[in-house]
């Protein structure tokens, strides 16, 4: 979305979090596969795979929020936005980023409050594993923290563009993706795949 140097660290954190979420999902799929085979062939169960799956999904989702934001993959209802002129779209896009930043900070605040209560009471999961809940909650908060930092930085950047009159850049960086944007991205991906395939072919 934004490629300027002040946001380099936040972008790297977002991409790293998304990669971690992907590896978590891969590990969960392998664990579920082993559980299914063990139950079918050996009448054996690891116990708690469903609980671990819930943790992985919750943590993975929070780790993926920031990455989705960078690629404008969050759902936005833009039926009316596309019909408005650019000068009217710009303040609405800035407002959308500001509201998203506020919501992400609210989620982080409530998540930290939940973790504080967990630590205060020493809460354990009411499952056979009796997992100390502060462990998955801490990872969950880590993902929400990355998301909150990124949304705050991008909201400030959007407000700066609005104040500076750079409305076209604001709409390009923070507006909802159009069908043309998705088509251009698909063409770029296809061109990249074609180039790599051509480079991998033996010369004749």
N, C-alpha and C. Protein backbone atom coordinates (compact mmCIF):
# COMPACT_ATOMS: atom_id res chain seq x y z
N UNK A 1 0.83 -1.19 0.00
CA UNK A 1 0.00 0.00 0.00
C UNK A 1 0.87 1.25 0.00
N UNK A 2 1.74 1.39 1.01
CA UNK A 2 2.64 2.53 1.11
C UNK A 2 4.05 1.99 1.18
N UNK A 3 4.97 2.56 0.42
CA UNK A 3 6.31 2.00 0.32
C UNK A 3 7.38 2.93 0.87
N UNK A 4 7.04 3.98 1.59
CA UNK A 4 8.03 4.90 2.08
C UNK A 4 8.78 4.31 3.26
N UNK A 5 10.03 4.78 3.44
CA UNK A 5 10.93 4.18 4.42
C UNK A 5 10.42 4.18 5.86
N UNK A 6 9.71 5.22 6.36
CA UNK A 6 9.26 5.17 7.76
C UNK A 6 8.38 3.97 8.07
N UNK A 7 7.80 3.37 7.05
CA UNK A 7 6.89 2.26 7.27
C UNK A 7 7.53 0.91 6.94
N UNK A 8 8.84 0.93 6.72
CA UNK A 8 9.53 -0.30 6.34
C UNK A 8 9.43 -1.35 7.43
N UNK A 9 9.67 -0.95 8.69
CA UNK A 9 9.65 -1.91 9.79
C UNK A 9 8.25 -2.49 9.97
N UNK A 10 7.23 -1.63 9.90
CA UNK A 10 5.86 -2.12 10.06
C UNK A 10 5.50 -3.09 8.95
N UNK A 11 5.94 -2.80 7.74
CA UNK A 11 5.66 -3.70 6.62
C UNK A 11 6.36 -5.04 6.81
N UNK A 12 7.61 -5.01 7.27
CA UNK A 12 8.33 -6.25 7.50
C UNK A 12 7.67 -7.07 8.61
N UNK A 13 7.22 -6.38 9.66
CA UNK A 13 6.52 -7.09 10.73
C UNK A 13 5.25 -7.75 10.21
N UNK A 14 4.51 -7.02 9.37
CA UNK A 14 3.27 -7.57 8.83
C UNK A 14 3.53 -8.80 7.97
N UNK A 15 4.55 -8.73 7.12
CA UNK A 15 4.87 -9.87 6.27
C UNK A 15 5.39 -11.04 7.11
N UNK A 16 6.22 -10.74 8.11
CA UNK A 16 6.71 -11.80 8.98
C UNK A 16 5.59 -12.48 9.75
N UNK A 17 4.63 -11.68 10.22
CA UNK A 17 3.49 -12.24 10.95
C UNK A 17 2.65 -13.13 10.05
N UNK A 18 2.46 -12.70 8.79
CA UNK A 18 1.68 -13.52 7.85
C UNK A 18 2.38 -14.84 7.55
N UNK A 19 3.70 -14.80 7.41
CA UNK A 19 4.45 -16.03 7.17
C UNK A 19 4.33 -16.96 8.38
N UNK A 20 4.43 -16.39 9.58
CA UNK A 20 4.28 -17.20 10.79
C UNK A 20 2.90 -17.83 10.86
N UNK A 21 1.87 -17.07 10.48
CA UNK A 21 0.51 -17.61 10.46
C UNK A 21 0.40 -18.76 9.47
N UNK A 22 1.06 -18.62 8.32
CA UNK A 22 1.04 -19.68 7.32
C UNK A 22 1.70 -20.96 7.82
N UNK A 23 2.84 -20.81 8.48
CA UNK A 23 3.51 -21.99 9.04
C UNK A 23 2.68 -22.62 10.15
N UNK A 24 1.99 -21.77 10.92
CA UNK A 24 1.11 -22.31 11.96
C UNK A 24 -0.01 -23.14 11.37
N UNK A 25 -0.61 -22.64 10.28
CA UNK A 25 -1.68 -23.39 9.62
C UNK A 25 -1.14 -24.69 9.02
N UNK A 26 0.07 -24.64 8.47
CA UNK A 26 0.68 -25.85 7.93
C UNK A 26 0.93 -26.88 9.03
N UNK A 27 1.47 -26.41 10.16
CA UNK A 27 1.71 -27.32 11.27
C UNK A 27 0.42 -27.93 11.79
N UNK A 28 -0.64 -27.11 11.85
CA UNK A 28 -1.93 -27.63 12.31
C UNK A 28 -2.47 -28.69 11.35
N UNK A 29 -2.32 -28.47 10.05
CA UNK A 29 -2.81 -29.46 9.08
C UNK A 29 -2.05 -30.78 9.22
N UNK A 30 -0.74 -30.70 9.47
CA UNK A 30 0.03 -31.93 9.68
C UNK A 30 -0.40 -32.64 10.96
N UNK A 31 -0.67 -31.86 12.00
CA UNK A 31 -1.10 -32.44 13.26
C UNK A 31 -2.46 -33.13 13.11
N UNK A 32 -3.37 -32.49 12.39
CA UNK A 32 -4.69 -33.09 12.17
C UNK A 32 -4.56 -34.35 11.33
N UNK A 33 -3.69 -34.31 10.32
CA UNK A 33 -3.47 -35.50 9.50
C UNK A 33 -2.97 -36.67 10.34
N UNK A 34 -2.00 -36.40 11.21
CA UNK A 34 -1.49 -37.45 12.09
C UNK A 34 -2.58 -37.96 13.01
N UNK A 35 -3.41 -37.06 13.54
CA UNK A 35 -4.49 -37.46 14.44
C UNK A 35 -5.47 -38.39 13.73
N UNK A 36 -5.84 -38.04 12.49
CA UNK A 36 -6.79 -38.87 11.74
C UNK A 36 -6.21 -40.25 11.47
N UNK A 37 -4.95 -40.30 11.03
CA UNK A 37 -4.32 -41.59 10.72
C UNK A 37 -4.17 -42.42 11.99
N UNK A 38 -3.76 -41.77 13.09
CA UNK A 38 -3.57 -42.50 14.34
C UNK A 38 -4.89 -43.08 14.86
N UNK A 39 -5.96 -42.33 14.72
CA UNK A 39 -7.26 -42.84 15.18
C UNK A 39 -7.74 -43.99 14.29
N UNK A 40 -7.51 -43.85 13.00
CA UNK A 40 -8.03 -44.84 12.06
C UNK A 40 -7.25 -46.15 12.13
N UNK A 41 -5.93 -46.06 12.20
CA UNK A 41 -5.11 -47.26 12.10
C UNK A 41 -4.68 -47.83 13.44
N UNK A 42 -4.49 -46.96 14.43
CA UNK A 42 -3.91 -47.43 15.69
C UNK A 42 -4.82 -47.21 16.90
N UNK A 43 -6.03 -46.68 16.64
CA UNK A 43 -6.97 -46.42 17.74
C UNK A 43 -6.32 -45.59 18.84
N UNK A 44 -5.61 -44.55 18.40
CA UNK A 44 -4.85 -43.70 19.31
C UNK A 44 -5.17 -42.24 19.02
N UNK A 45 -5.27 -41.43 20.07
CA UNK A 45 -5.57 -40.01 19.90
C UNK A 45 -4.60 -39.18 20.73
N UNK A 46 -4.17 -38.05 20.17
CA UNK A 46 -3.27 -37.16 20.89
C UNK A 46 -3.98 -36.40 22.00
N UNK A 47 -5.28 -36.21 21.87
CA UNK A 47 -6.08 -35.41 22.80
C UNK A 47 -5.71 -33.92 22.68
N UNK A 48 -6.71 -33.11 22.50
CA UNK A 48 -6.50 -31.67 22.50
C UNK A 48 -6.17 -31.06 21.16
N UNK A 49 -6.25 -31.84 20.07
CA UNK A 49 -5.94 -31.27 18.76
C UNK A 49 -6.95 -30.17 18.40
N UNK A 50 -8.22 -30.39 18.75
CA UNK A 50 -9.22 -29.36 18.46
C UNK A 50 -8.95 -28.09 19.24
N UNK A 51 -8.46 -28.24 20.48
CA UNK A 51 -8.12 -27.06 21.28
C UNK A 51 -6.95 -26.31 20.65
N UNK A 52 -5.91 -27.04 20.28
CA UNK A 52 -4.75 -26.42 19.63
C UNK A 52 -5.17 -25.75 18.33
N UNK A 53 -6.08 -26.40 17.59
CA UNK A 53 -6.56 -25.82 16.35
C UNK A 53 -7.24 -24.48 16.57
N UNK A 54 -8.02 -24.38 17.64
CA UNK A 54 -8.67 -23.11 17.95
C UNK A 54 -7.65 -22.01 18.24
N UNK A 55 -6.61 -22.37 18.99
CA UNK A 55 -5.57 -21.38 19.29
C UNK A 55 -4.86 -20.94 18.01
N UNK A 56 -4.52 -21.91 17.17
CA UNK A 56 -3.78 -21.59 15.93
C UNK A 56 -4.62 -20.70 15.03
N UNK A 57 -5.91 -20.98 14.92
CA UNK A 57 -6.76 -20.16 14.06
C UNK A 57 -6.90 -18.74 14.60
N UNK A 58 -7.11 -18.61 15.91
CA UNK A 58 -7.25 -17.27 16.50
C UNK A 58 -5.97 -16.47 16.36
N UNK A 59 -4.85 -17.10 16.64
CA UNK A 59 -3.56 -16.41 16.53
C UNK A 59 -3.23 -16.11 15.07
N UNK A 60 -3.49 -17.09 14.19
CA UNK A 60 -3.20 -16.88 12.78
C UNK A 60 -4.01 -15.75 12.17
N UNK A 61 -5.28 -15.64 12.57
CA UNK A 61 -6.11 -14.55 12.06
C UNK A 61 -5.56 -13.20 12.51
N UNK A 62 -5.19 -13.09 13.79
CA UNK A 62 -4.66 -11.82 14.28
C UNK A 62 -3.33 -11.49 13.61
N UNK A 63 -2.53 -12.51 13.31
CA UNK A 63 -1.25 -12.29 12.64
C UNK A 63 -1.44 -11.88 11.18
N UNK A 64 -2.60 -12.19 10.61
CA UNK A 64 -2.83 -11.91 9.19
C UNK A 64 -3.52 -10.58 8.93
N UNK A 65 -4.05 -9.95 9.98
CA UNK A 65 -4.76 -8.68 9.80
C UNK A 65 -3.90 -7.64 9.10
N UNK A 66 -2.67 -7.47 9.58
CA UNK A 66 -1.80 -6.41 9.04
C UNK A 66 -1.44 -6.69 7.59
N UNK A 67 -1.15 -7.94 7.28
CA UNK A 67 -0.80 -8.29 5.89
C UNK A 67 -1.98 -8.02 4.96
N UNK A 68 -3.18 -8.39 5.40
CA UNK A 68 -4.36 -8.12 4.57
C UNK A 68 -4.55 -6.62 4.36
N UNK A 69 -4.25 -5.83 5.39
CA UNK A 69 -4.38 -4.38 5.26
C UNK A 69 -3.41 -3.83 4.22
N UNK A 70 -2.18 -4.30 4.25
CA UNK A 70 -1.19 -3.82 3.29
C UNK A 70 -1.61 -4.08 1.85
N UNK A 71 -2.31 -5.18 1.64
CA UNK A 71 -2.73 -5.55 0.29
C UNK A 71 -4.19 -5.18 0.01
N UNK A 72 -4.74 -4.34 0.87
CA UNK A 72 -6.12 -3.88 0.71
C UNK A 72 -7.08 -5.04 0.50
N UNK A 73 -6.90 -6.09 1.29
CA UNK A 73 -7.71 -7.29 1.14
C UNK A 73 -8.90 -7.33 2.09
N UNK A 74 -8.99 -6.37 3.01
CA UNK A 74 -10.15 -6.32 3.89
C UNK A 74 -11.39 -5.90 3.09
N UNK A 75 -12.52 -6.46 3.47
CA UNK A 75 -13.76 -6.19 2.75
C UNK A 75 -14.24 -4.77 3.01
N UNK A 76 -14.55 -4.05 1.95
CA UNK A 76 -15.14 -2.72 2.07
C UNK A 76 -16.34 -2.65 1.14
N UNK A 77 -17.42 -2.08 1.64
CA UNK A 77 -18.62 -1.89 0.82
C UNK A 77 -18.44 -0.58 0.05
N UNK A 78 -18.19 -0.70 -1.24
CA UNK A 78 -17.83 0.48 -2.04
C UNK A 78 -18.83 0.75 -3.16
N UNK A 79 -20.09 0.40 -2.93
CA UNK A 79 -21.10 0.60 -3.96
C UNK A 79 -21.22 2.08 -4.32
N UNK A 80 -21.21 2.94 -3.30
CA UNK A 80 -21.34 4.37 -3.54
C UNK A 80 -20.00 5.04 -3.79
N UNK A 81 -18.93 4.51 -3.19
CA UNK A 81 -17.62 5.15 -3.32
C UNK A 81 -17.20 5.27 -4.78
N UNK A 82 -17.43 4.22 -5.55
CA UNK A 82 -16.99 4.23 -6.95
C UNK A 82 -17.72 5.29 -7.77
N UNK A 83 -18.88 5.75 -7.29
CA UNK A 83 -19.67 6.73 -8.04
C UNK A 83 -19.34 8.16 -7.64
N UNK A 84 -18.54 8.32 -6.59
CA UNK A 84 -18.21 9.67 -6.13
C UNK A 84 -16.97 10.19 -6.85
N UNK A 85 -16.87 11.50 -7.02
CA UNK A 85 -15.65 12.07 -7.60
C UNK A 85 -14.48 11.92 -6.64
N UNK A 86 -13.28 11.95 -7.20
CA UNK A 86 -12.07 11.76 -6.40
C UNK A 86 -11.95 12.67 -5.20
N UNK A 87 -12.24 13.98 -5.34
CA UNK A 87 -12.12 14.87 -4.18
C UNK A 87 -13.05 14.51 -3.02
N UNK A 88 -14.15 13.83 -3.30
CA UNK A 88 -15.03 13.39 -2.22
C UNK A 88 -14.61 12.03 -1.67
N UNK A 89 -13.99 11.21 -2.50
CA UNK A 89 -13.53 9.91 -2.03
C UNK A 89 -12.38 10.05 -1.03
N UNK A 90 -11.52 11.03 -1.24
CA UNK A 90 -10.31 11.16 -0.43
C UNK A 90 -10.61 11.31 1.07
N UNK A 91 -11.46 12.25 1.50
CA UNK A 91 -11.72 12.34 2.94
C UNK A 91 -12.40 11.10 3.50
N UNK A 92 -13.21 10.42 2.69
CA UNK A 92 -13.85 9.20 3.17
C UNK A 92 -12.83 8.08 3.35
N UNK A 93 -11.87 7.99 2.44
CA UNK A 93 -10.81 6.99 2.59
C UNK A 93 -9.95 7.28 3.82
N UNK A 94 -9.65 8.56 4.05
CA UNK A 94 -8.89 8.92 5.24
C UNK A 94 -9.68 8.60 6.50
N UNK A 95 -10.98 8.88 6.47
CA UNK A 95 -11.83 8.56 7.62
C UNK A 95 -11.89 7.06 7.87
N UNK A 96 -11.94 6.28 6.79
CA UNK A 96 -11.97 4.82 6.94
C UNK A 96 -10.70 4.33 7.62
N UNK A 97 -9.55 4.87 7.24
CA UNK A 97 -8.30 4.46 7.88
C UNK A 97 -8.26 4.90 9.33
N UNK A 98 -8.78 6.08 9.62
CA UNK A 98 -8.80 6.58 10.99
C UNK A 98 -9.69 5.70 11.87
N UNK A 99 -10.85 5.32 11.35
CA UNK A 99 -11.76 4.45 12.11
C UNK A 99 -11.15 3.06 12.31
N UNK A 100 -10.47 2.56 11.28
CA UNK A 100 -9.84 1.25 11.41
C UNK A 100 -8.73 1.28 12.45
N UNK A 101 -7.96 2.37 12.47
CA UNK A 101 -6.91 2.50 13.49
C UNK A 101 -7.52 2.55 14.88
N UNK A 102 -8.62 3.29 15.03
CA UNK A 102 -9.29 3.35 16.33
C UNK A 102 -9.81 1.99 16.76
N UNK A 103 -10.38 1.25 15.81
CA UNK A 103 -10.91 -0.07 16.15
C UNK A 103 -9.79 -1.04 16.51
N UNK A 104 -8.67 -0.97 15.79
CA UNK A 104 -7.56 -1.87 16.09
C UNK A 104 -6.98 -1.57 17.48
N UNK A 105 -6.90 -0.30 17.84
CA UNK A 105 -6.42 0.06 19.17
C UNK A 105 -7.41 -0.39 20.25
N UNK A 106 -8.70 -0.32 19.95
CA UNK A 106 -9.71 -0.80 20.90
C UNK A 106 -9.58 -2.31 21.10
N UNK A 107 -9.38 -3.06 20.00
CA UNK A 107 -9.20 -4.51 20.13
C UNK A 107 -7.97 -4.83 20.96
N UNK A 108 -6.88 -4.09 20.72
CA UNK A 108 -5.65 -4.34 21.47
C UNK A 108 -5.85 -4.03 22.95
N UNK A 109 -6.54 -2.95 23.24
CA UNK A 109 -6.81 -2.57 24.63
C UNK A 109 -7.60 -3.65 25.36
N UNK A 110 -8.67 -4.14 24.73
CA UNK A 110 -9.49 -5.16 25.37
C UNK A 110 -8.73 -6.50 25.48
N UNK A 111 -7.90 -6.80 24.49
CA UNK A 111 -7.12 -8.03 24.56
C UNK A 111 -6.11 -7.98 25.71
N UNK A 112 -5.48 -6.83 25.89
CA UNK A 112 -4.53 -6.68 27.00
C UNK A 112 -5.27 -6.79 28.34
N UNK A 113 -6.47 -6.23 28.42
CA UNK A 113 -7.26 -6.34 29.64
C UNK A 113 -7.61 -7.81 29.93
N UNK A 114 -7.93 -8.56 28.88
CA UNK A 114 -8.23 -9.98 29.05
C UNK A 114 -7.01 -10.74 29.55
N UNK A 115 -5.84 -10.44 28.98
CA UNK A 115 -4.61 -11.09 29.42
C UNK A 115 -4.31 -10.74 30.88
N UNK A 116 -4.55 -9.50 31.26
CA UNK A 116 -4.30 -9.09 32.64
C UNK A 116 -5.17 -9.91 33.61
N UNK A 117 -6.43 -10.11 33.26
CA UNK A 117 -7.31 -10.92 34.11
C UNK A 117 -6.84 -12.38 34.16
N UNK A 118 -6.38 -12.88 33.02
CA UNK A 118 -5.89 -14.26 32.98
C UNK A 118 -4.69 -14.44 33.90
N UNK A 119 -3.76 -13.49 33.87
CA UNK A 119 -2.59 -13.57 34.73
C UNK A 119 -2.97 -13.40 36.20
N UNK A 120 -3.94 -12.54 36.45
CA UNK A 120 -4.35 -12.28 37.83
C UNK A 120 -4.96 -13.52 38.48
N UNK A 121 -5.76 -14.25 37.71
CA UNK A 121 -6.45 -15.42 38.27
C UNK A 121 -5.76 -16.74 37.93
N UNK A 122 -4.68 -16.68 37.15
CA UNK A 122 -4.00 -17.91 36.76
C UNK A 122 -4.90 -18.86 36.00
N UNK A 123 -5.65 -18.33 35.05
CA UNK A 123 -6.67 -19.11 34.35
C UNK A 123 -6.06 -20.20 33.49
N UNK A 124 -6.70 -21.37 33.53
CA UNK A 124 -6.33 -22.50 32.69
C UNK A 124 -7.51 -22.88 31.82
N UNK A 125 -7.22 -23.47 30.67
CA UNK A 125 -8.29 -23.95 29.79
C UNK A 125 -9.00 -25.13 30.45
N UNK A 126 -10.32 -25.16 30.36
CA UNK A 126 -11.10 -26.25 30.95
C UNK A 126 -11.15 -27.42 29.97
N UNK A 127 -9.98 -27.94 29.64
CA UNK A 127 -9.81 -29.02 28.68
C UNK A 127 -8.81 -30.02 29.25
N UNK A 128 -8.68 -31.19 28.63
CA UNK A 128 -7.69 -32.16 29.13
C UNK A 128 -6.27 -31.60 29.16
N UNK A 129 -5.93 -30.70 28.25
CA UNK A 129 -4.58 -30.13 28.24
C UNK A 129 -4.35 -29.12 29.36
N UNK A 130 -5.44 -28.49 29.81
CA UNK A 130 -5.34 -27.45 30.85
C UNK A 130 -4.25 -26.43 30.50
N UNK A 131 -4.33 -25.92 29.30
CA UNK A 131 -3.35 -24.96 28.81
C UNK A 131 -3.42 -23.66 29.60
N UNK A 132 -2.30 -23.14 30.10
CA UNK A 132 -2.31 -21.79 30.69
C UNK A 132 -2.72 -20.78 29.61
N UNK A 133 -3.81 -20.10 29.83
CA UNK A 133 -4.38 -19.26 28.77
C UNK A 133 -3.52 -18.06 28.43
N UNK A 134 -2.58 -17.71 29.30
CA UNK A 134 -1.75 -16.56 28.98
C UNK A 134 -0.84 -16.84 27.77
N UNK A 135 -0.57 -18.11 27.49
CA UNK A 135 0.32 -18.43 26.36
C UNK A 135 -0.35 -18.10 25.02
N UNK A 136 -1.52 -18.68 24.70
CA UNK A 136 -2.14 -18.30 23.42
C UNK A 136 -2.59 -16.85 23.39
N UNK A 137 -3.00 -16.32 24.54
CA UNK A 137 -3.45 -14.92 24.55
C UNK A 137 -2.30 -13.96 24.28
N UNK A 138 -1.11 -14.29 24.74
CA UNK A 138 0.05 -13.42 24.48
C UNK A 138 0.37 -13.38 23.00
N UNK A 139 0.33 -14.53 22.34
CA UNK A 139 0.58 -14.56 20.90
C UNK A 139 -0.53 -13.85 20.13
N UNK A 140 -1.75 -14.01 20.60
CA UNK A 140 -2.90 -13.31 20.00
C UNK A 140 -2.69 -11.79 20.09
N UNK A 141 -2.25 -11.32 21.24
CA UNK A 141 -2.02 -9.89 21.44
C UNK A 141 -0.86 -9.41 20.57
N UNK A 142 0.14 -10.25 20.37
CA UNK A 142 1.26 -9.86 19.51
C UNK A 142 0.77 -9.54 18.10
N UNK A 143 -0.09 -10.39 17.56
CA UNK A 143 -0.64 -10.13 16.23
C UNK A 143 -1.48 -8.88 16.19
N UNK A 144 -2.32 -8.69 17.22
CA UNK A 144 -3.14 -7.47 17.28
C UNK A 144 -2.27 -6.23 17.44
N UNK A 145 -1.15 -6.37 18.15
CA UNK A 145 -0.25 -5.23 18.32
C UNK A 145 0.38 -4.79 17.01
N UNK A 146 0.81 -5.75 16.20
CA UNK A 146 1.37 -5.41 14.89
C UNK A 146 0.31 -4.71 14.04
N UNK A 147 -0.91 -5.21 14.09
CA UNK A 147 -2.00 -4.61 13.32
C UNK A 147 -2.28 -3.19 13.80
N UNK A 148 -2.29 -2.98 15.12
CA UNK A 148 -2.57 -1.65 15.67
C UNK A 148 -1.48 -0.65 15.29
N UNK A 149 -0.23 -1.09 15.35
CA UNK A 149 0.88 -0.19 14.98
C UNK A 149 0.77 0.20 13.51
N UNK A 150 0.50 -0.78 12.65
CA UNK A 150 0.44 -0.49 11.22
C UNK A 150 -0.75 0.41 10.88
N UNK A 151 -1.92 0.12 11.45
CA UNK A 151 -3.08 0.96 11.14
C UNK A 151 -2.88 2.39 11.63
N UNK A 152 -2.22 2.56 12.78
CA UNK A 152 -1.97 3.91 13.29
C UNK A 152 -1.03 4.67 12.36
N UNK A 153 0.05 4.01 11.92
CA UNK A 153 0.99 4.66 11.01
C UNK A 153 0.31 5.03 9.69
N UNK A 154 -0.48 4.12 9.16
CA UNK A 154 -1.13 4.39 7.88
C UNK A 154 -2.22 5.45 8.01
N UNK A 155 -2.91 5.48 9.14
CA UNK A 155 -3.91 6.52 9.35
C UNK A 155 -3.25 7.89 9.40
N UNK A 156 -2.11 7.99 10.08
CA UNK A 156 -1.39 9.26 10.13
C UNK A 156 -0.90 9.65 8.73
N UNK A 157 -0.45 8.67 7.98
CA UNK A 157 0.01 8.95 6.62
C UNK A 157 -1.15 9.43 5.75
N UNK A 158 -2.31 8.79 5.88
CA UNK A 158 -3.48 9.20 5.09
C UNK A 158 -3.91 10.61 5.46
N UNK A 159 -3.90 10.93 6.75
CA UNK A 159 -4.26 12.29 7.16
C UNK A 159 -3.26 13.31 6.63
N UNK A 160 -1.98 12.92 6.59
CA UNK A 160 -0.97 13.82 6.03
C UNK A 160 -1.20 14.07 4.55
N UNK A 161 -1.58 13.03 3.82
CA UNK A 161 -1.88 13.20 2.40
C UNK A 161 -3.10 14.10 2.22
N UNK A 162 -4.11 13.91 3.07
CA UNK A 162 -5.31 14.73 2.97
C UNK A 162 -5.00 16.19 3.26
N UNK A 163 -4.22 16.43 4.31
CA UNK A 163 -3.87 17.81 4.66
C UNK A 163 -2.99 18.46 3.60
N UNK A 164 -2.16 17.65 2.94
CA UNK A 164 -1.27 18.18 1.91
C UNK A 164 -1.91 18.30 0.54
N UNK A 165 -3.18 17.91 0.44
CA UNK A 165 -3.87 18.03 -0.84
C UNK A 165 -3.51 16.97 -1.85
N UNK A 166 -2.85 15.88 -1.41
CA UNK A 166 -2.47 14.81 -2.34
C UNK A 166 -3.61 13.79 -2.41
N UNK A 167 -4.71 14.24 -2.97
CA UNK A 167 -5.93 13.43 -2.95
C UNK A 167 -5.83 12.21 -3.86
N UNK A 168 -5.19 12.38 -5.01
CA UNK A 168 -5.04 11.25 -5.92
C UNK A 168 -4.21 10.14 -5.29
N UNK A 169 -3.10 10.52 -4.64
CA UNK A 169 -2.26 9.53 -3.98
C UNK A 169 -3.00 8.86 -2.83
N UNK A 170 -3.80 9.64 -2.11
CA UNK A 170 -4.57 9.08 -0.99
C UNK A 170 -5.56 8.03 -1.49
N UNK A 171 -6.27 8.36 -2.55
CA UNK A 171 -7.24 7.40 -3.10
C UNK A 171 -6.55 6.16 -3.64
N UNK A 172 -5.38 6.35 -4.24
CA UNK A 172 -4.65 5.21 -4.79
C UNK A 172 -4.14 4.29 -3.67
N UNK A 173 -3.66 4.88 -2.58
CA UNK A 173 -3.08 4.09 -1.49
C UNK A 173 -4.12 3.46 -0.58
N UNK A 174 -5.25 4.16 -0.36
CA UNK A 174 -6.19 3.73 0.68
C UNK A 174 -7.60 3.48 0.18
N UNK A 175 -7.84 3.68 -1.10
CA UNK A 175 -9.16 3.41 -1.63
C UNK A 175 -9.38 1.91 -1.80
N UNK A 176 -10.64 1.49 -1.87
CA UNK A 176 -10.92 0.06 -2.10
C UNK A 176 -10.41 -0.38 -3.46
N UNK A 177 -10.01 -1.63 -3.53
CA UNK A 177 -9.49 -2.16 -4.79
C UNK A 177 -10.62 -2.28 -5.80
N UNK A 178 -10.34 -1.84 -7.00
CA UNK A 178 -11.32 -1.96 -8.08
C UNK A 178 -11.07 -3.26 -8.84
N UNK A 179 -12.01 -3.57 -9.72
CA UNK A 179 -11.83 -4.75 -10.57
C UNK A 179 -10.59 -4.60 -11.45
N UNK A 180 -10.32 -3.36 -11.87
CA UNK A 180 -9.14 -3.12 -12.70
C UNK A 180 -7.86 -3.36 -11.91
N UNK A 181 -7.85 -2.97 -10.63
CA UNK A 181 -6.68 -3.22 -9.78
C UNK A 181 -6.40 -4.72 -9.67
N UNK A 182 -7.45 -5.49 -9.44
CA UNK A 182 -7.28 -6.94 -9.32
C UNK A 182 -6.82 -7.55 -10.64
N UNK A 183 -7.35 -7.03 -11.75
CA UNK A 183 -6.93 -7.53 -13.06
C UNK A 183 -5.47 -7.21 -13.32
N UNK A 184 -5.04 -5.99 -12.97
CA UNK A 184 -3.64 -5.61 -13.17
C UNK A 184 -2.72 -6.48 -12.32
N UNK A 185 -3.14 -6.77 -11.08
CA UNK A 185 -2.32 -7.62 -10.21
C UNK A 185 -2.22 -9.03 -10.78
N UNK A 186 -3.33 -9.55 -11.29
CA UNK A 186 -3.31 -10.89 -11.89
C UNK A 186 -2.39 -10.92 -13.11
N UNK A 187 -2.41 -9.85 -13.91
CA UNK A 187 -1.53 -9.79 -15.07
C UNK A 187 -0.06 -9.75 -14.66
N UNK A 188 0.24 -8.99 -13.60
CA UNK A 188 1.62 -8.92 -13.13
C UNK A 188 2.09 -10.28 -12.62
N UNK A 189 1.21 -10.97 -11.87
CA UNK A 189 1.57 -12.30 -11.38
C UNK A 189 1.80 -13.26 -12.54
N UNK A 190 0.93 -13.18 -13.55
CA UNK A 190 1.07 -14.06 -14.70
C UNK A 190 2.36 -13.76 -15.47
N UNK A 191 2.66 -12.46 -15.61
CA UNK A 191 3.89 -12.07 -16.31
C UNK A 191 5.11 -12.56 -15.55
N UNK A 192 5.06 -12.46 -14.21
CA UNK A 192 6.19 -12.94 -13.41
C UNK A 192 6.37 -14.44 -13.52
N UNK A 193 5.26 -15.19 -13.50
CA UNK A 193 5.34 -16.64 -13.64
C UNK A 193 5.88 -17.03 -15.01
N UNK A 194 5.44 -16.29 -16.04
CA UNK A 194 5.90 -16.59 -17.39
C UNK A 194 7.40 -16.33 -17.53
N UNK A 195 7.87 -15.24 -16.91
CA UNK A 195 9.30 -14.91 -16.96
C UNK A 195 10.13 -15.97 -16.27
N UNK A 196 9.68 -16.41 -15.10
CA UNK A 196 10.42 -17.43 -14.36
C UNK A 196 10.44 -18.75 -15.12
N UNK A 197 9.33 -19.08 -15.76
CA UNK A 197 9.27 -20.32 -16.53
C UNK A 197 10.23 -20.26 -17.72
N UNK A 198 10.27 -19.10 -18.36
CA UNK A 198 11.15 -18.95 -19.51
C UNK A 198 12.61 -19.03 -19.09
N UNK A 199 12.95 -18.48 -17.94
CA UNK A 199 14.32 -18.53 -17.46
C UNK A 199 14.73 -19.94 -17.07
N UNK A 200 13.76 -20.74 -16.67
CA UNK A 200 14.07 -22.10 -16.25
C UNK A 200 14.15 -23.09 -17.40
N UNK A 201 13.74 -22.68 -18.60
CA UNK A 201 13.79 -23.58 -19.75
C UNK A 201 15.21 -23.71 -20.27
N UNK A 202 15.63 -24.88 -20.67
CA UNK A 202 16.97 -25.03 -21.24
C UNK A 202 17.05 -24.34 -22.59
N UNK A 203 18.17 -23.72 -22.84
CA UNK A 203 18.36 -23.03 -24.12
C UNK A 203 18.55 -24.05 -25.22
N UNK A 204 18.08 -23.71 -26.43
CA UNK A 204 18.18 -24.62 -27.57
C UNK A 204 19.17 -24.08 -28.58
